[in-house]
Amino acid sequence: MSDFPHEFEPFLDSTQAATLVQVHPKTLQRYARAGRVTGYRVGKLWRFRASDLVLPLKEEDTTENDLDDGARAR
């Protein structure tokens, strides 16, 4: 039996995480600084969890698409 209630999820560096969500690493870091995605600073480096990235960016894409559709209708 494990002492940990959850399975261990490794951290991704900026390049790995950016590849996962198909943005440039600097863009992902900017999103983290702005609070749009959850990121962790370790010294000068950013680290991310894949589970923290997938939903916020998908929800944002949906919102942006809805806004684009509204702008085109005018």
PDB file of N, CA and C in Angstrom:
ATOM      1  N   MET A   1       0.832  -1.176   0.000  1.00  0.00           N
ATOM      2  CA  MET A   1       0.000   0.000   0.000  1.00  0.00           C
ATOM      3  C   MET A   1       0.879   1.243   0.000  1.00  0.00           C
ATOM      4  N   SER A   2       0.506   2.225  -0.778  1.00  0.00           N
ATOM      5  CA  SER A   2       1.289   3.444  -0.918  1.00  0.00           C
ATOM      6  C   SER A   2       0.910   4.466   0.148  1.00  0.00           C
ATOM      7  N   ASP A   3       1.895   5.257   0.587  1.00  0.00           N
ATOM      8  CA  ASP A   3       1.643   6.332   1.536  1.00  0.00           C
ATOM      9  C   ASP A   3       1.077   7.570   0.840  1.00  0.00           C
ATOM     10  N   PHE A   4       1.210   7.627  -0.495  1.00  0.00           N
ATOM     11  CA  PHE A   4       0.754   8.779  -1.248  1.00  0.00           C
ATOM     12  C   PHE A   4      -0.632   8.519  -1.828  1.00  0.00           C
ATOM     13  N   PRO A   5      -1.543   9.467  -1.646  1.00  0.00           N
ATOM     14  CA  PRO A   5      -2.904   9.254  -2.141  1.00  0.00           C
ATOM     15  C   PRO A   5      -3.016   9.360  -3.662  1.00  0.00           C
ATOM     16  N   HIS A   6      -2.044  10.008  -4.312  1.00  0.00           N
ATOM     17  CA  HIS A   6      -2.118  10.216  -5.751  1.00  0.00           C
ATOM     18  C   HIS A   6      -0.858   9.681  -6.428  1.00  0.00           C
ATOM     19  N   GLU A   7      -1.008   9.367  -7.673  1.00  0.00           N
ATOM     20  CA  GLU A   7       0.123   8.901  -8.454  1.00  0.00           C
ATOM     21  C   GLU A   7       1.043  10.088  -8.764  1.00  0.00           C
ATOM     22  N   PHE A   8       2.331   9.844  -8.810  1.00  0.00           N
ATOM     23  CA  PHE A   8       3.314  10.885  -9.089  1.00  0.00           C
ATOM     24  C   PHE A   8       3.218  11.339 -10.538  1.00  0.00           C
ATOM     25  N   GLU A   9       3.150  12.650 -10.754  1.00  0.00           N
ATOM     26  CA  GLU A   9       3.132  13.212 -12.102  1.00  0.00           C
ATOM     27  C   GLU A   9       4.400  14.043 -12.284  1.00  0.00           C
ATOM     28  N   PRO A  10       5.249  13.663 -13.215  1.00  0.00           N
ATOM     29  CA  PRO A  10       6.500  14.405 -13.388  1.00  0.00           C
ATOM     30  C   PRO A  10       6.248  15.808 -13.940  1.00  0.00           C
ATOM     31  N   PHE A  11       7.166  16.703 -13.632  1.00  0.00           N
ATOM     32  CA  PHE A  11       7.115  18.052 -14.180  1.00  0.00           C
ATOM     33  C   PHE A  11       7.714  18.055 -15.580  1.00  0.00           C
ATOM     34  N   LEU A  12       7.202  18.934 -16.415  1.00  0.00           N
ATOM     35  CA  LEU A  12       7.733  19.137 -17.755  1.00  0.00           C
ATOM     36  C   LEU A  12       8.475  20.462 -17.778  1.00  0.00           C
ATOM     37  N   ASP A  13       9.558  20.535 -18.562  1.00  0.00           N
ATOM     38  CA  ASP A  13      10.207  21.829 -18.720  1.00  0.00           C
ATOM     39  C   ASP A  13       9.410  22.650 -19.733  1.00  0.00           C
ATOM     40  N   SER A  14       9.820  23.884 -19.953  1.00  0.00           N
ATOM     41  CA  SER A  14       9.066  24.780 -20.838  1.00  0.00           C
ATOM     42  C   SER A  14       8.935  24.238 -22.248  1.00  0.00           C
ATOM     43  N   THR A  15       9.995  23.649 -22.765  1.00  0.00           N
ATOM     44  CA  THR A  15       9.975  23.130 -24.130  1.00  0.00           C
ATOM     45  C   THR A  15       9.015  21.954 -24.254  1.00  0.00           C
ATOM     46  N   GLN A  16       9.083  21.021 -23.311  1.00  0.00           N
ATOM     47  CA  GLN A  16       8.194  19.857 -23.343  1.00  0.00           C
ATOM     48  C   GLN A  16       6.733  20.279 -23.203  1.00  0.00           C
ATOM     49  N   ALA A  17       6.461  21.168 -22.271  1.00  0.00           N
ATOM     50  CA  ALA A  17       5.087  21.619 -22.035  1.00  0.00           C
ATOM     51  C   ALA A  17       4.557  22.405 -23.226  1.00  0.00           C
ATOM     52  N   ALA A  18       5.389  23.254 -23.803  1.00  0.00           N
ATOM     53  CA  ALA A  18       4.968  24.047 -24.956  1.00  0.00           C
ATOM     54  C   ALA A  18       4.664  23.157 -26.154  1.00  0.00           C
ATOM     55  N   THR A  19       5.446  22.104 -26.333  1.00  0.00           N
ATOM     56  CA  THR A  19       5.187  21.152 -27.413  1.00  0.00           C
ATOM     57  C   THR A  19       3.835  20.479 -27.210  1.00  0.00           C
ATOM     58  N   LEU A  20       3.518  20.154 -25.969  1.00  0.00           N
ATOM     59  CA  LEU A  20       2.253  19.494 -25.655  1.00  0.00           C
ATOM     60  C   LEU A  20       1.045  20.350 -26.045  1.00  0.00           C
ATOM     61  N   VAL A  21       1.119  21.647 -25.779  1.00  0.00           N
ATOM     62  CA  VAL A  21      -0.019  22.534 -26.051  1.00  0.00           C
ATOM     63  C   VAL A  21       0.155  23.344 -27.337  1.00  0.00           C
ATOM     64  N   GLN A  22       1.219  23.076 -28.055  1.00  0.00           N
ATOM     65  CA  GLN A  22       1.482  23.650 -29.372  1.00  0.00           C
ATOM     66  C   GLN A  22       1.577  25.175 -29.357  1.00  0.00           C
ATOM     67  N   VAL A  23       2.382  25.681 -28.425  1.00  0.00           N
ATOM     68  CA  VAL A  23       2.733  27.094 -28.395  1.00  0.00           C
ATOM     69  C   VAL A  23       4.244  27.193 -28.221  1.00  0.00           C
ATOM     70  N   HIS A  24       4.788  28.371 -28.415  1.00  0.00           N
ATOM     71  CA  HIS A  24       6.221  28.587 -28.217  1.00  0.00           C
ATOM     72  C   HIS A  24       6.515  28.578 -26.714  1.00  0.00           C
ATOM     73  N   PRO A  25       7.687  28.066 -26.286  1.00  0.00           N
ATOM     74  CA  PRO A  25       8.005  28.039 -24.851  1.00  0.00           C
ATOM     75  C   PRO A  25       7.906  29.403 -24.171  1.00  0.00           C
ATOM     76  N   LYS A  26       8.332  30.458 -24.838  1.00  0.00           N
ATOM     77  CA  LYS A  26       8.253  31.802 -24.246  1.00  0.00           C
ATOM     78  C   LYS A  26       6.796  32.244 -24.066  1.00  0.00           C
ATOM     79  N   THR A  27       5.932  31.840 -24.985  1.00  0.00           N
ATOM     80  CA  THR A  27       4.512  32.158 -24.868  1.00  0.00           C
ATOM     81  C   THR A  27       3.928  31.465 -23.644  1.00  0.00           C
ATOM     82  N   LEU A  28       4.281  30.201 -23.449  1.00  0.00           N
ATOM     83  CA  LEU A  28       3.798  29.457 -22.290  1.00  0.00           C
ATOM     84  C   LEU A  28       4.300  30.090 -20.994  1.00  0.00           C
ATOM     85  N   GLN A  29       5.543  30.525 -20.967  1.00  0.00           N
ATOM     86  CA  GLN A  29       6.083  31.194 -19.788  1.00  0.00           C
ATOM     87  C   GLN A  29       5.341  32.500 -19.514  1.00  0.00           C
ATOM     88  N   ARG A  30       5.015  33.227 -20.569  1.00  0.00           N
ATOM     89  CA  ARG A  30       4.254  34.470 -20.430  1.00  0.00           C
ATOM     90  C   ARG A  30       2.858  34.181 -19.865  1.00  0.00           C
ATOM     91  N   TYR A  31       2.215  33.104 -20.358  1.00  0.00           N
ATOM     92  CA  TYR A  31       0.914  32.703 -19.831  1.00  0.00           C
ATOM     93  C   TYR A  31       1.019  32.387 -18.339  1.00  0.00           C
ATOM     94  N   ALA A  32       2.087  31.720 -17.934  1.00  0.00           N
ATOM     95  CA  ALA A  32       2.271  31.357 -16.524  1.00  0.00           C
ATOM     96  C   ALA A  32       2.465  32.615 -15.671  1.00  0.00           C
ATOM     97  N   ARG A  33       3.273  33.558 -16.144  1.00  0.00           N
ATOM     98  CA  ARG A  33       3.481  34.804 -15.394  1.00  0.00           C
ATOM     99  C   ARG A  33       2.164  35.574 -15.244  1.00  0.00           C
ATOM    100  N   ALA A  34       1.319  35.526 -16.271  1.00  0.00           N
ATOM    101  CA  ALA A  34       0.041  36.241 -16.250  1.00  0.00           C
ATOM    102  C   ALA A  34      -1.045  35.483 -15.486  1.00  0.00           C
ATOM    103  N   GLY A  35      -0.779  34.229 -15.111  1.00  0.00           N
ATOM    104  CA  GLY A  35      -1.749  33.431 -14.378  1.00  0.00           C
ATOM    105  C   GLY A  35      -2.763  32.714 -15.262  1.00  0.00           C
ATOM    106  N   ARG A  36      -2.529  32.694 -16.569  1.00  0.00           N
ATOM    107  CA  ARG A  36      -3.457  32.019 -17.491  1.00  0.00           C
ATOM    108  C   ARG A  36      -3.306  30.507 -17.418  1.00  0.00           C
ATOM    109  N   VAL A  37      -2.118  30.025 -17.052  1.00  0.00           N
ATOM    110  CA  VAL A  37      -1.871  28.598 -16.815  1.00  0.00           C
ATOM    111  C   VAL A  37      -1.073  28.487 -15.522  1.00  0.00           C
ATOM    112  N   THR A  38      -1.103  27.309 -14.913  1.00  0.00           N
ATOM    113  CA  THR A  38      -0.344  27.072 -13.691  1.00  0.00           C
ATOM    114  C   THR A  38       1.063  26.629 -14.054  1.00  0.00           C
ATOM    115  N   GLY A  39       2.029  27.358 -13.554  1.00  0.00           N
ATOM    116  CA  GLY A  39       3.431  27.017 -13.757  1.00  0.00           C
ATOM    117  C   GLY A  39       4.179  27.230 -12.461  1.00  0.00           C
ATOM    118  N   TYR A  40       5.329  26.604 -12.335  1.00  0.00           N
ATOM    119  CA  TYR A  40       6.117  26.677 -11.111  1.00  0.00           C
ATOM    120  C   TYR A  40       7.519  27.157 -11.447  1.00  0.00           C
ATOM    121  N   ARG A  41       7.972  28.211 -10.773  1.00  0.00           N
ATOM    122  CA  ARG A  41       9.328  28.705 -10.960  1.00  0.00           C
ATOM    123  C   ARG A  41      10.261  27.916 -10.044  1.00  0.00           C
ATOM    124  N   VAL A  42      11.315  27.384 -10.621  1.00  0.00           N
ATOM    125  CA  VAL A  42      12.360  26.710  -9.857  1.00  0.00           C
ATOM    126  C   VAL A  42      13.641  27.446 -10.223  1.00  0.00           C
ATOM    127  N   GLY A  43      14.031  28.391  -9.363  1.00  0.00           N
ATOM    128  CA  GLY A  43      15.141  29.259  -9.720  1.00  0.00           C
ATOM    129  C   GLY A  43      14.720  30.128 -10.902  1.00  0.00           C
ATOM    130  N   LYS A  44      15.479  30.051 -11.995  1.00  0.00           N
ATOM    131  CA  LYS A  44      15.135  30.810 -13.197  1.00  0.00           C
ATOM    132  C   LYS A  44      14.317  29.995 -14.190  1.00  0.00           C
ATOM    133  N   LEU A  45      14.073  28.732 -13.876  1.00  0.00           N
ATOM    134  CA  LEU A  45      13.400  27.830 -14.815  1.00  0.00           C
ATOM    135  C   LEU A  45      11.917  27.681 -14.487  1.00  0.00           C
ATOM    136  N   TRP A  46      11.122  27.442 -15.507  1.00  0.00           N
ATOM    137  CA  TRP A  46       9.709  27.157 -15.344  1.00  0.00           C
ATOM    138  C   TRP A  46       9.476  25.670 -15.471  1.00  0.00           C
ATOM    139  N   ARG A  47       8.573  25.140 -14.657  1.00  0.00           N
ATOM    140  CA  ARG A  47       8.162  23.742 -14.737  1.00  0.00           C
ATOM    141  C   ARG A  47       6.641  23.701 -14.770  1.00  0.00           C
ATOM    142  N   PHE A  48       6.107  22.707 -15.474  1.00  0.00           N
ATOM    143  CA  PHE A  48       4.666  22.604 -15.672  1.00  0.00           C
ATOM    144  C   PHE A  48       4.232  21.159 -15.505  1.00  0.00           C
ATOM    145  N   ARG A  49       2.969  20.959 -15.133  1.00  0.00           N
ATOM    146  CA  ARG A  49       2.351  19.630 -15.130  1.00  0.00           C
ATOM    147  C   ARG A  49       1.423  19.571 -16.332  1.00  0.00           C
ATOM    148  N   ALA A  50       1.450  18.472 -17.040  1.00  0.00           N
ATOM    149  CA  ALA A  50       0.592  18.312 -18.218  1.00  0.00           C
ATOM    150  C   ALA A  50      -0.874  18.473 -17.836  1.00  0.00           C
ATOM    151  N   SER A  51      -1.270  17.946 -16.696  1.00  0.00           N
ATOM    152  CA  SER A  51      -2.677  18.022 -16.275  1.00  0.00           C
ATOM    153  C   SER A  51      -3.111  19.459 -15.980  1.00  0.00           C
ATOM    154  N   ASP A  52      -2.172  20.330 -15.642  1.00  0.00           N
ATOM    155  CA  ASP A  52      -2.496  21.737 -15.388  1.00  0.00           C
ATOM    156  C   ASP A  52      -2.664  22.525 -16.677  1.00  0.00           C
ATOM    157  N   LEU A  53      -2.143  22.016 -17.775  1.00  0.00           N
ATOM    158  CA  LEU A  53      -2.124  22.776 -19.025  1.00  0.00           C
ATOM    159  C   LEU A  53      -3.285  22.492 -19.955  1.00  0.00           C
ATOM    160  N   VAL A  54      -3.718  21.282 -20.031  1.00  0.00           N
ATOM    161  CA  VAL A  54      -4.650  20.871 -21.080  1.00  0.00           C
ATOM    162  C   VAL A  54      -5.985  21.602 -20.989  1.00  0.00           C
ATOM    163  N   LEU A  55      -6.644  21.601 -19.849  1.00  0.00           N
ATOM    164  CA  LEU A  55      -7.975  22.204 -19.740  1.00  0.00           C
ATOM    165  C   LEU A  55      -7.990  23.725 -19.855  1.00  0.00           C
ATOM    166  N   PRO A  56      -7.098  24.472 -19.175  1.00  0.00           N
ATOM    167  CA  PRO A  56      -7.180  25.934 -19.295  1.00  0.00           C
ATOM    168  C   PRO A  56      -7.016  26.428 -20.733  1.00  0.00           C
ATOM    169  N   LEU A  57      -6.115  25.834 -21.487  1.00  0.00           N
ATOM    170  CA  LEU A  57      -5.895  26.299 -22.851  1.00  0.00           C
ATOM    171  C   LEU A  57      -7.029  25.878 -23.771  1.00  0.00           C
ATOM    172  N   LYS A  58      -7.620  24.706 -23.548  1.00  0.00           N
ATOM    173  CA  LYS A  58      -8.762  24.290 -24.362  1.00  0.00           C
ATOM    174  C   LYS A  58      -9.958  25.203 -24.098  1.00  0.00           C
ATOM    175  N   GLU A  59     -10.198  25.549 -22.840  1.00  0.00           N
ATOM    176  CA  GLU A  59     -11.310  26.436 -22.510  1.00  0.00           C
ATOM    177  C   GLU A  59     -11.085  27.810 -23.128  1.00  0.00           C
ATOM    178  N   GLU A  60      -9.848  28.272 -23.122  1.00  0.00           N
ATOM    179  CA  GLU A  60      -9.520  29.575 -23.693  1.00  0.00           C
ATOM    180  C   GLU A  60      -9.747  29.575 -25.198  1.00  0.00           C
ATOM    181  N   ASP A  61      -9.378  28.504 -25.882  1.00  0.00           N
ATOM    182  CA  ASP A  61      -9.591  28.400 -27.326  1.00  0.00           C
ATOM    183  C   ASP A  61     -11.077  28.481 -27.639  1.00  0.00           C
ATOM    184  N   THR A  62     -11.904  27.833 -26.859  1.00  0.00           N
ATOM    185  CA  THR A  62     -13.344  27.862 -27.067  1.00  0.00           C
ATOM    186  C   THR A  62     -13.877  29.273 -26.894  1.00  0.00           C
ATOM    187  N   THR A  63     -13.415  29.962 -25.866  1.00  0.00           N
ATOM    188  CA  THR A  63     -13.857  31.324 -25.615  1.00  0.00           C
ATOM    189  C   THR A  63     -13.428  32.244 -26.747  1.00  0.00           C
ATOM    190  N   GLU A  64     -12.187  32.123 -27.211  1.00  0.00           N
ATOM    191  CA  GLU A  64     -11.701  32.959 -28.300  1.00  0.00           C
ATOM    192  C   GLU A  64     -12.481  32.686 -29.583  1.00  0.00           C
ATOM    193  N   ASN A  65     -12.801  31.423 -29.857  1.00  0.00           N
ATOM    194  CA  ASN A  65     -13.573  31.094 -31.046  1.00  0.00           C
ATOM    195  C   ASN A  65     -14.966  31.700 -30.967  1.00  0.00           C
ATOM    196  N   ASP A  66     -15.576  31.687 -29.792  1.00  0.00           N
ATOM    197  CA  ASP A  66     -16.892  32.290 -29.617  1.00  0.00           C
ATOM    198  C   ASP A  66     -16.822  33.793 -29.861  1.00  0.00           C
ATOM    199  N   LEU A  67     -15.758  34.430 -29.374  1.00  0.00           N
ATOM    200  CA  LEU A  67     -15.594  35.858 -29.583  1.00  0.00           C
ATOM    201  C   LEU A  67     -15.375  36.168 -31.060  1.00  0.00           C
ATOM    202  N   ASP A  68     -14.567  35.343 -31.734  1.00  0.00           N
ATOM    203  CA  ASP A  68     -14.321  35.558 -33.161  1.00  0.00           C
ATOM    204  C   ASP A  68     -15.615  35.436 -33.947  1.00  0.00           C
ATOM    205  N   ASP A  69     -16.453  34.458 -33.623  1.00  0.00           N
ATOM    206  CA  ASP A  69     -17.725  34.270 -34.327  1.00  0.00           C
ATOM    207  C   ASP A  69     -18.621  35.495 -34.124  1.00  0.00           C
ATOM    208  N   GLY A  70     -18.631  36.040 -32.919  1.00  0.00           N
ATOM    209  CA  GLY A  70     -19.440  37.219 -32.648  1.00  0.00           C
ATOM    210  C   GLY A  70     -18.954  38.437 -33.404  1.00  0.00           C
ATOM    211  N   ALA A  71     -17.651  38.565 -33.529  1.00  0.00           N
ATOM    212  CA  ALA A  71     -17.086  39.712 -34.248  1.00  0.00           C
ATOM    213  C   ALA A  71     -17.395  39.621 -35.728  1.00  0.00           C
ATOM    214  N   ARG A  72     -17.403  38.430 -36.285  1.00  0.00           N
ATOM    215  CA  ARG A  72     -17.689  38.249 -37.707  1.00  0.00           C
ATOM    216  C   ARG A  72     -19.146  38.523 -38.017  1.00  0.00           C
ATOM    217  N   ALA A  73     -20.027  38.290 -37.057  1.00  0.00           N
ATOM    218  CA  ALA A  73     -21.461  38.447 -37.295  1.00  0.00           C
ATOM    219  C   ALA A  73     -21.860  39.918 -37.412  1.00  0.00           C
ATOM    220  N   ARG A  74     -21.035  40.807 -36.916  1.00  0.00           N
ATOM    221  CA  ARG A  74     -21.370  42.242 -36.914  1.00  0.00           C
ATOM    222  C   ARG A  74     -21.178  42.875 -38.238  1.00  0.00           C
TER     223      ARG A  74
END
